Amino acid sequence: MARHQNRHIFDVSNLDEQGRILPLDDQRRAYRQGNELWHTDSSFRQKSATWSMLHARVIPPDGADTQFADTRAAYDALPESTKAKLEGLVAEHSIWHSRAQYGGYKPTEEEIKARPPARHPVVRRHPGSGRKALYIASHASHIIGWPVEEGRALLRELLAHATEPRFVYAHKWRLGDLVIWDNRCTLHRATPFESATHVRDMRRSTVIDTRYAEAMAS
């Protein structure tokens, strides 16, 4: 049973259904550790995310900040030759790719079938500002049509660039904070804390970008 019955609210915590800290060998802990990788919410879905909202209910005494990276500024700072190279490239995104990188979570066959991979352009134009932004990070598995390792090397290079300190803001949580961000032009990640002894209880809700998916399908 989930801790929260509202399906629109995601449990971002290290707690079980009774509010106890998850054991170190609990697979839910392994799954949630993936949040410490740079990502953009729901990029593993064809209908990806626009806005996300994260509310701090219980915060640990140290650590557990959330870092955000501006992928518009990161794109703008790329050499023109790299921008040209990225035109038309499409990456495949998978939640299971990211979860295999960190935490050792092993999905069931049913989970794999329920969450198939999605494909998105490596560079997307924001519908509001019109600015181009990188659409990458830990869910991005490989570049379609490229040798897998070559594509992954490019994705690693872009991620290292996009998460340079000049593009990153770190939010230090205070009790009751509500942070809202645009997944179409940012990356984010949780930072580590003493999760075996301290509670971190956050609630997240995400808005799905149905208009973008419909435009890509047309």
C-alpha atoms as a PDB file:
ATOM      1  CA  MET A   1       0.000   0.000   0.000  1.00  0.00           C
ATOM      2  CA  ALA A   2       1.284   3.476  -0.904  1.00  0.00           C
ATOM      3  CA  ARG A   3       1.819   6.094   1.793  1.00  0.00           C
ATOM      4  CA  HIS A   4      -0.392   8.528  -0.126  1.00  0.00           C
ATOM      5  CA  GLN A   5      -3.650   7.481  -1.740  1.00  0.00           C
ATOM      6  CA  ASN A   6      -3.830  10.417  -4.146  1.00  0.00           C
ATOM      7  CA  ARG A   7      -2.262   9.122  -7.365  1.00  0.00           C
ATOM      8  CA  HIS A   8      -1.222  12.662  -8.332  1.00  0.00           C
ATOM      9  CA  ILE A   9       1.101  12.953  -5.328  1.00  0.00           C
ATOM     10  CA  PHE A  10       4.462  11.175  -5.467  1.00  0.00           C
ATOM     11  CA  ASP A  11       6.158   9.990  -2.301  1.00  0.00           C
ATOM     12  CA  VAL A  12       9.717  11.362  -2.324  1.00  0.00           C
ATOM     13  CA  SER A  13      10.985  10.025   0.975  1.00  0.00           C
ATOM     14  CA  ASN A  14      12.988   7.291   2.685  1.00  0.00           C
ATOM     15  CA  LEU A  15       9.926   5.999   4.566  1.00  0.00           C
ATOM     16  CA  ASP A  16       7.677   2.941   4.376  1.00  0.00           C
ATOM     17  CA  GLU A  17       3.875   2.846   4.685  1.00  0.00           C
ATOM     18  CA  GLN A  18       4.058   3.088   8.480  1.00  0.00           C
ATOM     19  CA  GLY A  19       6.376   6.099   8.384  1.00  0.00           C
ATOM     20  CA  ARG A  20       9.473   4.113   9.358  1.00  0.00           C
ATOM     21  CA  ILE A  21      12.861   4.599   7.688  1.00  0.00           C
ATOM     22  CA  LEU A  22      13.333   2.024   4.941  1.00  0.00           C
ATOM     23  CA  PRO A  23      15.878  -0.746   5.636  1.00  0.00           C
ATOM     24  CA  LEU A  24      19.123  -0.482   3.691  1.00  0.00           C
ATOM     25  CA  ASP A  25      18.262  -3.583   1.638  1.00  0.00           C
ATOM     26  CA  ASP A  26      14.749  -2.423   0.697  1.00  0.00           C
ATOM     27  CA  GLN A  27      14.271  -2.225  -3.083  1.00  0.00           C
ATOM     28  CA  ARG A  28      12.258   0.972  -2.719  1.00  0.00           C
ATOM     29  CA  ARG A  29      15.338   2.615  -1.272  1.00  0.00           C
ATOM     30  CA  ALA A  30      17.384   1.387  -4.246  1.00  0.00           C
ATOM     31  CA  TYR A  31      14.778   2.770  -6.652  1.00  0.00           C
ATOM     32  CA  ARG A  32      14.635   6.190  -4.992  1.00  0.00           C
ATOM     33  CA  GLN A  33      18.408   6.520  -4.943  1.00  0.00           C
ATOM     34  CA  GLY A  34      18.128   7.194  -8.653  1.00  0.00           C
ATOM     35  CA  ASN A  35      16.829  10.648  -7.708  1.00  0.00           C
ATOM     36  CA  GLU A  36      20.423  11.538  -6.819  1.00  0.00           C
ATOM     37  CA  LEU A  37      21.290  11.383 -10.532  1.00  0.00           C
ATOM     38  CA  TRP A  38      20.717  14.420 -12.732  1.00  0.00           C
ATOM     39  CA  HIS A  39      17.359  14.002 -14.456  1.00  0.00           C
ATOM     40  CA  THR A  40      14.264  15.725 -15.732  1.00  0.00           C
ATOM     41  CA  ASP A  41      10.959  14.340 -14.475  1.00  0.00           C
ATOM     42  CA  SER A  42       9.176  11.832 -16.704  1.00  0.00           C
ATOM     43  CA  SER A  43      11.509  12.143 -19.701  1.00  0.00           C
ATOM     44  CA  PHE A  44      11.161   8.340 -19.876  1.00  0.00           C
ATOM     45  CA  ARG A  45       7.545   8.890 -20.943  1.00  0.00           C
ATOM     46  CA  GLN A  46       6.537  10.033 -24.420  1.00  0.00           C
ATOM     47  CA  LYS A  47       4.196  12.460 -22.676  1.00  0.00           C
ATOM     48  CA  SER A  48       6.920  14.071 -20.620  1.00  0.00           C
ATOM     49  CA  ALA A  49       6.630  16.676 -17.862  1.00  0.00           C
ATOM     50  CA  THR A  50       6.181  20.427 -17.833  1.00  0.00           C
ATOM     51  CA  TRP A  51       5.980  21.700 -14.252  1.00  0.00           C
ATOM     52  CA  SER A  52       6.930  19.867 -11.083  1.00  0.00           C
ATOM     53  CA  MET A  53       6.141  20.987  -7.532  1.00  0.00           C
ATOM     54  CA  LEU A  54       8.034  19.657  -4.515  1.00  0.00           C
ATOM     55  CA  HIS A  55       6.905  20.320  -0.945  1.00  0.00           C
ATOM     56  CA  ALA A  56       9.146  19.819   2.099  1.00  0.00           C
ATOM     57  CA  ARG A  57       7.280  18.114   4.976  1.00  0.00           C
ATOM     58  CA  VAL A  58      10.258  16.787   6.989  1.00  0.00           C
ATOM     59  CA  ILE A  59      13.874  17.681   6.241  1.00  0.00           C
ATOM     60  CA  PRO A  60      17.093  16.177   7.645  1.00  0.00           C
ATOM     61  CA  PRO A  61      19.457  18.369   9.679  1.00  0.00           C
ATOM     62  CA  ASP A  62      22.204  18.339   7.029  1.00  0.00           C
ATOM     63  CA  GLY A  63      22.406  17.764   3.309  1.00  0.00           C
ATOM     64  CA  ALA A  64      19.535  16.722   1.032  1.00  0.00           C
ATOM     65  CA  ASP A  65      19.635  19.975  -0.933  1.00  0.00           C
ATOM     66  CA  THR A  66      18.174  19.843  -4.447  1.00  0.00           C
ATOM     67  CA  GLN A  67      20.331  21.118  -7.290  1.00  0.00           C
ATOM     68  CA  PHE A  68      18.918  22.588 -10.493  1.00  0.00           C
ATOM     69  CA  ALA A  69      20.712  23.139 -13.811  1.00  0.00           C
ATOM     70  CA  ASP A  70      19.565  25.567 -16.524  1.00  0.00           C
ATOM     71  CA  THR A  71      19.681  23.692 -19.841  1.00  0.00           C
ATOM     72  CA  ARG A  72      18.806  26.804 -21.863  1.00  0.00           C
ATOM     73  CA  ALA A  73      21.916  28.629 -20.685  1.00  0.00           C
ATOM     74  CA  ALA A  74      23.909  25.429 -21.154  1.00  0.00           C
ATOM     75  CA  TYR A  75      22.740  25.139 -24.756  1.00  0.00           C
ATOM     76  CA  ASP A  76      23.467  28.810 -25.454  1.00  0.00           C
ATOM     77  CA  ALA A  77      27.036  28.333 -24.203  1.00  0.00           C
ATOM     78  CA  LEU A  78      27.804  25.440 -26.571  1.00  0.00           C
ATOM     79  CA  PRO A  79      30.143  26.042 -29.525  1.00  0.00           C
ATOM     80  CA  GLU A  80      28.283  26.593 -32.785  1.00  0.00           C
ATOM     81  CA  SER A  81      29.878  23.428 -34.194  1.00  0.00           C
ATOM     82  CA  THR A  82      28.366  21.378 -31.345  1.00  0.00           C
ATOM     83  CA  LYS A  83      24.946  22.974 -31.823  1.00  0.00           C
ATOM     84  CA  ALA A  84      25.055  21.980 -35.480  1.00  0.00           C
ATOM     85  CA  LYS A  85      26.069  18.430 -34.535  1.00  0.00           C
ATOM     86  CA  LEU A  86      23.074  18.106 -32.211  1.00  0.00           C
ATOM     87  CA  GLU A  87      20.473  19.184 -34.765  1.00  0.00           C
ATOM     88  CA  GLY A  88      18.080  16.335 -35.465  1.00  0.00           C
ATOM     89  CA  LEU A  89      19.539  13.933 -32.895  1.00  0.00           C
ATOM     90  CA  VAL A  90      17.054  11.863 -30.891  1.00  0.00           C
ATOM     91  CA  ALA A  91      17.787  10.066 -27.621  1.00  0.00           C
ATOM     92  CA  GLU A  92      15.970   7.110 -26.121  1.00  0.00           C
ATOM     93  CA  HIS A  93      15.015   7.610 -22.457  1.00  0.00           C
ATOM     94  CA  SER A  94      14.268   4.805 -19.990  1.00  0.00           C
ATOM     95  CA  ILE A  95      13.593   4.806 -16.261  1.00  0.00           C
ATOM     96  CA  TRP A  96      15.266   1.400 -16.091  1.00  0.00           C
ATOM     97  CA  HIS A  97      18.460   2.766 -17.647  1.00  0.00           C
ATOM     98  CA  SER A  98      18.785   5.353 -14.896  1.00  0.00           C
ATOM     99  CA  ARG A  99      17.834   2.940 -12.120  1.00  0.00           C
ATOM    100  CA  ALA A 100      20.491   0.496 -13.284  1.00  0.00           C
ATOM    101  CA  GLN A 101      23.154   3.188 -12.887  1.00  0.00           C
ATOM    102  CA  TYR A 102      22.618   3.897  -9.207  1.00  0.00           C
ATOM    103  CA  GLY A 103      21.006   1.891  -6.464  1.00  0.00           C
ATOM    104  CA  GLY A 104      20.927  -1.471  -8.201  1.00  0.00           C
ATOM    105  CA  TYR A 105      17.131  -1.583  -8.575  1.00  0.00           C
ATOM    106  CA  LYS A 106      15.985  -4.620 -10.589  1.00  0.00           C
ATOM    107  CA  PRO A 107      12.581  -4.166 -12.239  1.00  0.00           C
ATOM    108  CA  THR A 108      10.156  -7.017 -12.776  1.00  0.00           C
ATOM    109  CA  GLU A 109       9.017  -8.040 -16.262  1.00  0.00           C
ATOM    110  CA  GLU A 110       5.676  -6.393 -15.514  1.00  0.00           C
ATOM    111  CA  GLU A 111       7.376  -3.107 -14.603  1.00  0.00           C
ATOM    112  CA  ILE A 112       9.464  -3.165 -17.778  1.00  0.00           C
ATOM    113  CA  LYS A 113       6.351  -3.702 -19.890  1.00  0.00           C
ATOM    114  CA  ALA A 114       4.439  -1.001 -18.011  1.00  0.00           C
ATOM    115  CA  ARG A 115       7.159   1.609 -18.593  1.00  0.00           C
ATOM    116  CA  PRO A 116       8.601   1.211 -22.081  1.00  0.00           C
ATOM    117  CA  PRO A 117      11.254   3.685 -23.297  1.00  0.00           C
ATOM    118  CA  ALA A 118      10.445   6.986 -25.003  1.00  0.00           C
ATOM    119  CA  ARG A 119      12.250   9.032 -27.627  1.00  0.00           C
ATOM    120  CA  HIS A 120      12.901  12.774 -27.529  1.00  0.00           C
ATOM    121  CA  PRO A 121      15.073  15.246 -29.460  1.00  0.00           C
ATOM    122  CA  VAL A 122      18.344  16.015 -27.713  1.00  0.00           C
ATOM    123  CA  VAL A 123      17.567  19.710 -28.259  1.00  0.00           C
ATOM    124  CA  ARG A 124      14.010  20.966 -27.797  1.00  0.00           C
ATOM    125  CA  ARG A 125      12.615  24.447 -28.280  1.00  0.00           C
ATOM    126  CA  HIS A 126      10.698  25.782 -25.281  1.00  0.00           C
ATOM    127  CA  PRO A 127       7.145  26.649 -26.411  1.00  0.00           C
ATOM    128  CA  GLY A 128       6.977  29.680 -24.132  1.00  0.00           C
ATOM    129  CA  SER A 129      10.269  31.509 -24.597  1.00  0.00           C
ATOM    130  CA  GLY A 130      11.215  29.982 -27.936  1.00  0.00           C
ATOM    131  CA  ARG A 131      14.698  29.273 -26.567  1.00  0.00           C
ATOM    132  CA  LYS A 132      16.429  25.975 -27.276  1.00  0.00           C
ATOM    133  CA  ALA A 133      17.344  23.701 -24.358  1.00  0.00           C
ATOM    134  CA  LEU A 134      19.188  20.426 -23.934  1.00  0.00           C
ATOM    135  CA  TYR A 135      16.944  17.478 -23.083  1.00  0.00           C
ATOM    136  CA  ILE A 136      19.293  14.903 -21.612  1.00  0.00           C
ATOM    137  CA  ALA A 137      20.504  13.346 -18.291  1.00  0.00           C
ATOM    138  CA  SER A 138      20.270  10.004 -16.526  1.00  0.00           C
ATOM    139  CA  HIS A 139      17.154   8.605 -18.224  1.00  0.00           C
ATOM    140  CA  ALA A 140      18.751   9.210 -21.659  1.00  0.00           C
ATOM    141  CA  SER A 141      20.169   5.836 -22.651  1.00  0.00           C
ATOM    142  CA  HIS A 142      21.592   6.303 -26.154  1.00  0.00           C
ATOM    143  CA  ILE A 143      21.320   8.224 -29.419  1.00  0.00           C
ATOM    144  CA  ILE A 144      19.050   6.694 -32.040  1.00  0.00           C
ATOM    145  CA  GLY A 145      21.035   5.586 -35.087  1.00  0.00           C
ATOM    146  CA  TRP A 146      24.436   5.898 -33.387  1.00  0.00           C
ATOM    147  CA  PRO A 147      26.649   3.153 -31.937  1.00  0.00           C
ATOM    148  CA  VAL A 148      25.544   2.850 -28.306  1.00  0.00           C
ATOM    149  CA  GLU A 149      28.871   3.738 -26.690  1.00  0.00           C
ATOM    150  CA  GLU A 150      29.468   6.666 -29.023  1.00  0.00           C
ATOM    151  CA  GLY A 151      26.033   8.066 -28.223  1.00  0.00           C
ATOM    152  CA  ARG A 152      26.503   7.594 -24.496  1.00  0.00           C
ATOM    153  CA  ALA A 153      29.857   9.372 -24.664  1.00  0.00           C
ATOM    154  CA  LEU A 154      28.143  12.364 -26.272  1.00  0.00           C
ATOM    155  CA  LEU A 155      25.376  12.337 -23.649  1.00  0.00           C
ATOM    156  CA  ARG A 156      27.964  12.228 -20.842  1.00  0.00           C
ATOM    157  CA  GLU A 157      29.834  15.134 -22.408  1.00  0.00           C
ATOM    158  CA  LEU A 158      26.652  17.211 -22.683  1.00  0.00           C
ATOM    159  CA  LEU A 159      25.636  16.392 -19.106  1.00  0.00           C
ATOM    160  CA  ALA A 160      29.041  17.397 -17.756  1.00  0.00           C
ATOM    161  CA  HIS A 161      28.724  20.689 -19.611  1.00  0.00           C
ATOM    162  CA  ALA A 162      25.126  21.364 -18.525  1.00  0.00           C
ATOM    163  CA  THR A 163      25.913  20.769 -14.853  1.00  0.00           C
ATOM    164  CA  GLU A 164      28.956  23.022 -14.608  1.00  0.00           C
ATOM    165  CA  PRO A 165      28.701  25.296 -11.527  1.00  0.00           C
ATOM    166  CA  ARG A 166      27.881  28.357 -13.665  1.00  0.00           C
ATOM    167  CA  PHE A 167      24.564  26.746 -14.687  1.00  0.00           C
ATOM    168  CA  VAL A 168      23.581  25.270 -11.292  1.00  0.00           C
ATOM    169  CA  TYR A 169      21.466  26.561  -8.394  1.00  0.00           C
ATOM    170  CA  ALA A 170      21.367  24.558  -5.131  1.00  0.00           C
ATOM    171  CA  HIS A 171      18.202  24.938  -3.057  1.00  0.00           C
ATOM    172  CA  LYS A 172      18.728  24.449   0.683  1.00  0.00           C
ATOM    173  CA  TRP A 173      15.381  23.231   1.967  1.00  0.00           C
ATOM    174  CA  ARG A 174      13.490  24.791   4.836  1.00  0.00           C
ATOM    175  CA  LEU A 175      10.440  23.195   6.408  1.00  0.00           C
ATOM    176  CA  GLY A 176       7.338  24.027   4.393  1.00  0.00           C
ATOM    177  CA  ASP A 177       9.164  25.149   1.239  1.00  0.00           C
ATOM    178  CA  LEU A 178       7.375  24.596  -2.075  1.00  0.00           C
ATOM    179  CA  VAL A 179       9.636  24.720  -5.120  1.00  0.00           C
ATOM    180  CA  ILE A 180       8.227  24.776  -8.664  1.00  0.00           C
ATOM    181  CA  TRP A 181      10.334  24.224 -11.778  1.00  0.00           C
ATOM    182  CA  ASP A 182       9.985  23.731 -15.520  1.00  0.00           C
ATOM    183  CA  ASN A 183      11.268  20.316 -16.627  1.00  0.00           C
ATOM    184  CA  ARG A 184      11.490  21.438 -20.246  1.00  0.00           C
ATOM    185  CA  CYS A 185      14.511  23.617 -19.523  1.00  0.00           C
ATOM    186  CA  THR A 186      16.060  22.315 -16.301  1.00  0.00           C
ATOM    187  CA  LEU A 187      17.713  19.266 -14.803  1.00  0.00           C
ATOM    188  CA  HIS A 188      17.677  18.496 -11.103  1.00  0.00           C
ATOM    189  CA  ARG A 189      18.958  16.011  -8.561  1.00  0.00           C
ATOM    190  CA  ALA A 190      18.744  15.305  -4.827  1.00  0.00           C
ATOM    191  CA  THR A 191      21.970  15.376  -2.842  1.00  0.00           C
ATOM    192  CA  PRO A 192      22.938  12.650  -0.319  1.00  0.00           C
ATOM    193  CA  PHE A 193      22.182  12.724   3.398  1.00  0.00           C
ATOM    194  CA  GLU A 194      22.276  10.254   6.302  1.00  0.00           C
ATOM    195  CA  SER A 195      19.218   8.394   5.051  1.00  0.00           C
ATOM    196  CA  ALA A 196      19.664   5.443   7.430  1.00  0.00           C
ATOM    197  CA  THR A 197      19.164   7.662  10.488  1.00  0.00           C
ATOM    198  CA  HIS A 198      17.344  10.846   9.360  1.00  0.00           C
ATOM    199  CA  VAL A 199      13.935  11.308   7.742  1.00  0.00           C
ATOM    200  CA  ARG A 200      13.423  13.198   4.503  1.00  0.00           C
ATOM    201  CA  ASP A 201       9.725  13.429   3.614  1.00  0.00           C
ATOM    202  CA  MET A 202       8.831  15.332   0.444  1.00  0.00           C
ATOM    203  CA  ARG A 203       5.680  15.349  -1.692  1.00  0.00           C
ATOM    204  CA  ARG A 204       5.838  15.934  -5.443  1.00  0.00           C
ATOM    205  CA  SER A 205       3.249  16.579  -8.114  1.00  0.00           C
ATOM    206  CA  THR A 206       4.032  16.819 -11.821  1.00  0.00           C
ATOM    207  CA  VAL A 207       2.108  18.219 -14.786  1.00  0.00           C
ATOM    208  CA  ILE A 208       2.298  16.136 -17.965  1.00  0.00           C
ATOM    209  CA  ASP A 209       3.095  17.855 -21.263  1.00  0.00           C
ATOM    210  CA  THR A 210       0.366  16.420 -23.492  1.00  0.00           C
ATOM    211  CA  ARG A 211       0.584  19.219 -26.073  1.00  0.00           C
ATOM    212  CA  TYR A 212       4.246  18.498 -26.834  1.00  0.00           C
ATOM    213  CA  ALA A 213       3.613  14.766 -27.270  1.00  0.00           C
ATOM    214  CA  GLU A 214       0.691  15.465 -29.611  1.00  0.00           C
ATOM    215  CA  ALA A 215       2.813  17.880 -31.658  1.00  0.00           C
ATOM    216  CA  MET A 216       5.612  15.276 -31.978  1.00  0.00           C
ATOM    217  CA  ALA A 217       3.102  12.650 -33.117  1.00  0.00           C
ATOM    218  CA  SER A 218       1.531  14.859 -35.797  1.00  0.00           C
END
